Amino acid sequence: MRALLLILVLLSTLTMAGCEMIGDIFQAGMAVGVIVVVLIVVVIAFLARKLRR
């Protein structure tokens, strides 16, 4: 019984760590996406100002 409990605790900690890692990867990817979108908007605004003159 004790071995079963130990195995269950070990499996639960491994799966929780995996979920946290996937969440961190998703969060980093989302941050990069936001930065790219902001840069694209800045470049478009810059080009629009240059073309108006």
PDB file of N, CA and C in Angstrom:
ATOM      1  N   MET A   1       0.833  -1.195   0.000  1.00  0.00           N
ATOM      2  CA  MET A   1       0.000   0.000   0.000  1.00  0.00           C
ATOM      3  C   MET A   1       0.877   1.258   0.000  1.00  0.00           C
ATOM      4  N   ARG A   2       1.941   1.198   0.777  1.00  0.00           N
ATOM      5  CA  ARG A   2       2.826   2.358   0.868  1.00  0.00           C
ATOM      6  C   ARG A   2       3.522   2.626  -0.469  1.00  0.00           C
ATOM      7  N   ALA A   3       3.892   1.568  -1.169  1.00  0.00           N
ATOM      8  CA  ALA A   3       4.536   1.710  -2.476  1.00  0.00           C
ATOM      9  C   ALA A   3       3.570   2.330  -3.480  1.00  0.00           C
ATOM     10  N   LEU A   4       2.307   1.941  -3.417  1.00  0.00           N
ATOM     11  CA  LEU A   4       1.297   2.506  -4.314  1.00  0.00           C
ATOM     12  C   LEU A   4       1.131   3.999  -4.055  1.00  0.00           C
ATOM     13  N   LEU A   5       1.095   4.373  -2.799  1.00  0.00           N
ATOM     14  CA  LEU A   5       0.979   5.790  -2.437  1.00  0.00           C
ATOM     15  C   LEU A   5       2.189   6.577  -2.923  1.00  0.00           C
ATOM     16  N   LEU A   6       3.372   6.006  -2.766  1.00  0.00           N
ATOM     17  CA  LEU A   6       4.597   6.652  -3.227  1.00  0.00           C
ATOM     18  C   LEU A   6       4.577   6.828  -4.747  1.00  0.00           C
ATOM     19  N   ILE A   7       4.125   5.820  -5.459  1.00  0.00           N
ATOM     20  CA  ILE A   7       4.044   5.903  -6.920  1.00  0.00           C
ATOM     21  C   ILE A   7       3.042   6.970  -7.344  1.00  0.00           C
ATOM     22  N   LEU A   8       1.896   7.036  -6.680  1.00  0.00           N
ATOM     23  CA  LEU A   8       0.893   8.043  -7.010  1.00  0.00           C
ATOM     24  C   LEU A   8       1.404   9.462  -6.758  1.00  0.00           C
ATOM     25  N   VAL A   9       2.101   9.657  -5.648  1.00  0.00           N
ATOM     26  CA  VAL A   9       2.670  10.974  -5.344  1.00  0.00           C
ATOM     27  C   VAL A   9       3.726  11.341  -6.377  1.00  0.00           C
ATOM     28  N   LEU A  10       4.560  10.399  -6.743  1.00  0.00           N
ATOM     29  CA  LEU A  10       5.600  10.643  -7.739  1.00  0.00           C
ATOM     30  C   LEU A  10       4.995  10.994  -9.091  1.00  0.00           C
ATOM     31  N   LEU A  11       4.003  10.251  -9.523  1.00  0.00           N
ATOM     32  CA  LEU A  11       3.350  10.531 -10.810  1.00  0.00           C
ATOM     33  C   LEU A  11       2.658  11.891 -10.811  1.00  0.00           C
ATOM     34  N   SER A  12       2.006  12.237  -9.703  1.00  0.00           N
ATOM     35  CA  SER A  12       1.313  13.518  -9.656  1.00  0.00           C
ATOM     36  C   SER A  12       2.294  14.689  -9.699  1.00  0.00           C
ATOM     37  N   THR A  13       3.436  14.562  -9.045  1.00  0.00           N
ATOM     38  CA  THR A  13       4.413  15.657  -9.088  1.00  0.00           C
ATOM     39  C   THR A  13       5.030  15.784 -10.477  1.00  0.00           C
ATOM     40  N   LEU A  14       5.245  14.670 -11.150  1.00  0.00           N
ATOM     41  CA  LEU A  14       5.803  14.735 -12.498  1.00  0.00           C
ATOM     42  C   LEU A  14       4.827  15.375 -13.477  1.00  0.00           C
ATOM     43  N   THR A  15       3.556  15.023 -13.394  1.00  0.00           N
ATOM     44  CA  THR A  15       2.581  15.591 -14.324  1.00  0.00           C
ATOM     45  C   THR A  15       2.333  17.066 -14.031  1.00  0.00           C
ATOM     46  N   MET A  16       2.352  17.456 -12.787  1.00  0.00           N
ATOM     47  CA  MET A  16       2.159  18.872 -12.459  1.00  0.00           C
ATOM     48  C   MET A  16       3.326  19.712 -12.941  1.00  0.00           C
ATOM     49  N   ALA A  17       4.531  19.188 -12.842  1.00  0.00           N
ATOM     50  CA  ALA A  17       5.703  19.917 -13.332  1.00  0.00           C
ATOM     51  C   ALA A  17       5.631  20.051 -14.849  1.00  0.00           C
ATOM     52  N   GLY A  18       5.140  19.028 -15.531  1.00  0.00           N
ATOM     53  CA  GLY A  18       4.992  19.091 -16.984  1.00  0.00           C
ATOM     54  C   GLY A  18       3.978  20.139 -17.388  1.00  0.00           C
ATOM     55  N   CYS A  19       2.882  20.233 -16.662  1.00  0.00           N
ATOM     56  CA  CYS A  19       1.857  21.241 -16.970  1.00  0.00           C
ATOM     57  C   CYS A  19       2.410  22.652 -16.768  1.00  0.00           C
ATOM     58  N   GLU A  20       3.186  22.826 -15.727  1.00  0.00           N
ATOM     59  CA  GLU A  20       3.769  24.141 -15.459  1.00  0.00           C
ATOM     60  C   GLU A  20       4.741  24.531 -16.574  1.00  0.00           C
ATOM     61  N   MET A  21       5.515  23.573 -17.050  1.00  0.00           N
ATOM     62  CA  MET A  21       6.466  23.849 -18.120  1.00  0.00           C
ATOM     63  C   MET A  21       5.729  24.225 -19.405  1.00  0.00           C
ATOM     64  N   ILE A  22       4.670  23.518 -19.723  1.00  0.00           N
ATOM     65  CA  ILE A  22       3.897  23.832 -20.920  1.00  0.00           C
ATOM     66  C   ILE A  22       3.277  25.215 -20.791  1.00  0.00           C
ATOM     67  N   GLY A  23       2.808  25.554 -19.606  1.00  0.00           N
ATOM     68  CA  GLY A  23       2.248  26.890 -19.376  1.00  0.00           C
ATOM     69  C   GLY A  23       3.289  27.978 -19.561  1.00  0.00           C
ATOM     70  N   ASP A  24       4.507  27.741 -19.089  1.00  0.00           N
ATOM     71  CA  ASP A  24       5.585  28.720 -19.254  1.00  0.00           C
ATOM     72  C   ASP A  24       5.957  28.889 -20.723  1.00  0.00           C
ATOM     73  N   ILE A  25       5.997  27.790 -21.466  1.00  0.00           N
ATOM     74  CA  ILE A  25       6.305  27.867 -22.898  1.00  0.00           C
ATOM     75  C   ILE A  25       5.228  28.648 -23.624  1.00  0.00           C
ATOM     76  N   PHE A  26       3.963  28.391 -23.294  1.00  0.00           N
ATOM     77  CA  PHE A  26       2.860  29.117 -23.921  1.00  0.00           C
ATOM     78  C   PHE A  26       2.941  30.603 -23.600  1.00  0.00           C
ATOM     79  N   GLN A  27       3.253  30.920 -22.355  1.00  0.00           N
ATOM     80  CA  GLN A  27       3.339  32.323 -21.945  1.00  0.00           C
ATOM     81  C   GLN A  27       4.484  33.034 -22.672  1.00  0.00           C
ATOM     82  N   ALA A  28       5.610  32.381 -22.841  1.00  0.00           N
ATOM     83  CA  ALA A  28       6.739  32.972 -23.566  1.00  0.00           C
ATOM     84  C   ALA A  28       6.379  33.173 -25.027  1.00  0.00           C
ATOM     85  N   GLY A  29       5.715  32.208 -25.620  1.00  0.00           N
ATOM     86  CA  GLY A  29       5.293  32.336 -27.018  1.00  0.00           C
ATOM     87  C   GLY A  29       4.298  33.471 -27.204  1.00  0.00           C
ATOM     88  N   MET A  30       3.409  33.639 -26.246  1.00  0.00           N
ATOM     89  CA  MET A  30       2.434  34.714 -26.327  1.00  0.00           C
ATOM     90  C   MET A  30       3.129  36.067 -26.198  1.00  0.00           C
ATOM     91  N   ALA A  31       4.116  36.170 -25.335  1.00  0.00           N
ATOM     92  CA  ALA A  31       4.850  37.427 -25.169  1.00  0.00           C
ATOM     93  C   ALA A  31       5.589  37.785 -26.455  1.00  0.00           C
ATOM     94  N   VAL A  32       6.199  36.802 -27.095  1.00  0.00           N
ATOM     95  CA  VAL A  32       6.897  37.055 -28.360  1.00  0.00           C
ATOM     96  C   VAL A  32       5.904  37.506 -29.424  1.00  0.00           C
ATOM     97  N   GLY A  33       4.747  36.878 -29.463  1.00  0.00           N
ATOM     98  CA  GLY A  33       3.710  37.274 -30.424  1.00  0.00           C
ATOM     99  C   GLY A  33       3.250  38.704 -30.216  1.00  0.00           C
ATOM    100  N   VAL A  34       3.060  39.095 -28.981  1.00  0.00           N
ATOM    101  CA  VAL A  34       2.639  40.468 -28.683  1.00  0.00           C
ATOM    102  C   VAL A  34       3.715  41.456 -29.112  1.00  0.00           C
ATOM    103  N   ILE A  35       4.971  41.145 -28.846  1.00  0.00           N
ATOM    104  CA  ILE A  35       6.071  42.031 -29.242  1.00  0.00           C
ATOM    105  C   ILE A  35       6.129  42.176 -30.753  1.00  0.00           C
ATOM    106  N   VAL A  36       5.952  41.076 -31.482  1.00  0.00           N
ATOM    107  CA  VAL A  36       5.979  41.132 -32.950  1.00  0.00           C
ATOM    108  C   VAL A  36       4.829  41.983 -33.476  1.00  0.00           C
ATOM    109  N   VAL A  37       3.641  41.825 -32.920  1.00  0.00           N
ATOM    110  CA  VAL A  37       2.491  42.617 -33.365  1.00  0.00           C
ATOM    111  C   VAL A  37       2.725  44.096 -33.090  1.00  0.00           C
ATOM    112  N   VAL A  38       3.264  44.432 -31.929  1.00  0.00           N
ATOM    113  CA  VAL A  38       3.541  45.840 -31.617  1.00  0.00           C
ATOM    114  C   VAL A  38       4.579  46.406 -32.578  1.00  0.00           C
ATOM    115  N   LEU A  39       5.617  45.653 -32.894  1.00  0.00           N
ATOM    116  CA  LEU A  39       6.626  46.121 -33.847  1.00  0.00           C
ATOM    117  C   LEU A  39       6.029  46.342 -35.234  1.00  0.00           C
ATOM    118  N   ILE A  40       5.155  45.463 -35.668  1.00  0.00           N
ATOM    119  CA  ILE A  40       4.514  45.623 -36.973  1.00  0.00           C
ATOM    120  C   ILE A  40       3.651  46.880 -36.996  1.00  0.00           C
ATOM    121  N   VAL A  41       2.908  47.127 -35.926  1.00  0.00           N
ATOM    122  CA  VAL A  41       2.075  48.333 -35.857  1.00  0.00           C
ATOM    123  C   VAL A  41       2.944  49.579 -35.878  1.00  0.00           C
ATOM    124  N   VAL A  42       4.070  49.571 -35.177  1.00  0.00           N
ATOM    125  CA  VAL A  42       4.977  50.728 -35.157  1.00  0.00           C
ATOM    126  C   VAL A  42       5.556  50.966 -36.547  1.00  0.00           C
ATOM    127  N   VAL A  43       5.948  49.914 -37.242  1.00  0.00           N
ATOM    128  CA  VAL A  43       6.512  50.071 -38.593  1.00  0.00           C
ATOM    129  C   VAL A  43       5.450  50.613 -39.550  1.00  0.00           C
ATOM    130  N   ILE A  44       4.224  50.118 -39.456  1.00  0.00           N
ATOM    131  CA  ILE A  44       3.155  50.613 -40.326  1.00  0.00           C
ATOM    132  C   ILE A  44       2.869  52.076 -40.030  1.00  0.00           C
ATOM    133  N   ALA A  45       2.848  52.454 -38.762  1.00  0.00           N
ATOM    134  CA  ALA A  45       2.612  53.859 -38.403  1.00  0.00           C
ATOM    135  C   ALA A  45       3.750  54.738 -38.914  1.00  0.00           C
ATOM    136  N   PHE A  46       4.968  54.269 -38.818  1.00  0.00           N
ATOM    137  CA  PHE A  46       6.122  55.016 -39.315  1.00  0.00           C
ATOM    138  C   PHE A  46       6.028  55.223 -40.830  1.00  0.00           C
ATOM    139  N   LEU A  47       5.698  54.153 -41.550  1.00  0.00           N
ATOM    140  CA  LEU A  47       5.580  54.256 -43.005  1.00  0.00           C
ATOM    141  C   LEU A  47       4.423  55.170 -43.408  1.00  0.00           C
ATOM    142  N   ALA A  48       3.332  55.122 -42.671  1.00  0.00           N
ATOM    143  CA  ALA A  48       2.177  55.983 -42.962  1.00  0.00           C
ATOM    144  C   ALA A  48       2.553  57.450 -42.784  1.00  0.00           C
ATOM    145  N   ARG A  49       3.315  57.753 -41.765  1.00  0.00           N
ATOM    146  CA  ARG A  49       3.749  59.141 -41.558  1.00  0.00           C
ATOM    147  C   ARG A  49       4.686  59.611 -42.657  1.00  0.00           C
ATOM    148  N   LYS A  50       5.570  58.722 -43.086  1.00  0.00           N
ATOM    149  CA  LYS A  50       6.520  59.086 -44.164  1.00  0.00           C
ATOM    150  C   LYS A  50       5.804  59.309 -45.483  1.00  0.00           C
ATOM    151  N   LEU A  51       4.799  58.502 -45.778  1.00  0.00           N
ATOM    152  CA  LEU A  51       4.080  58.617 -47.050  1.00  0.00           C
ATOM    153  C   LEU A  51       3.149  59.825 -47.083  1.00  0.00           C
ATOM    154  N   ARG A  52       2.711  60.300 -45.952  1.00  0.00           N
ATOM    155  CA  ARG A  52       1.803  61.465 -45.895  1.00  0.00           C
ATOM    156  C   ARG A  52       2.523  62.749 -46.299  1.00  0.00           C
ATOM    157  N   ARG A  53       3.795  62.836 -46.030  1.00  0.00           N
ATOM    158  CA  ARG A  53       4.529  64.071 -46.294  1.00  0.00           C
ATOM    159  C   ARG A  53       4.894  64.221 -47.697  1.00  0.00           C
TER     160      ARG A  53
END
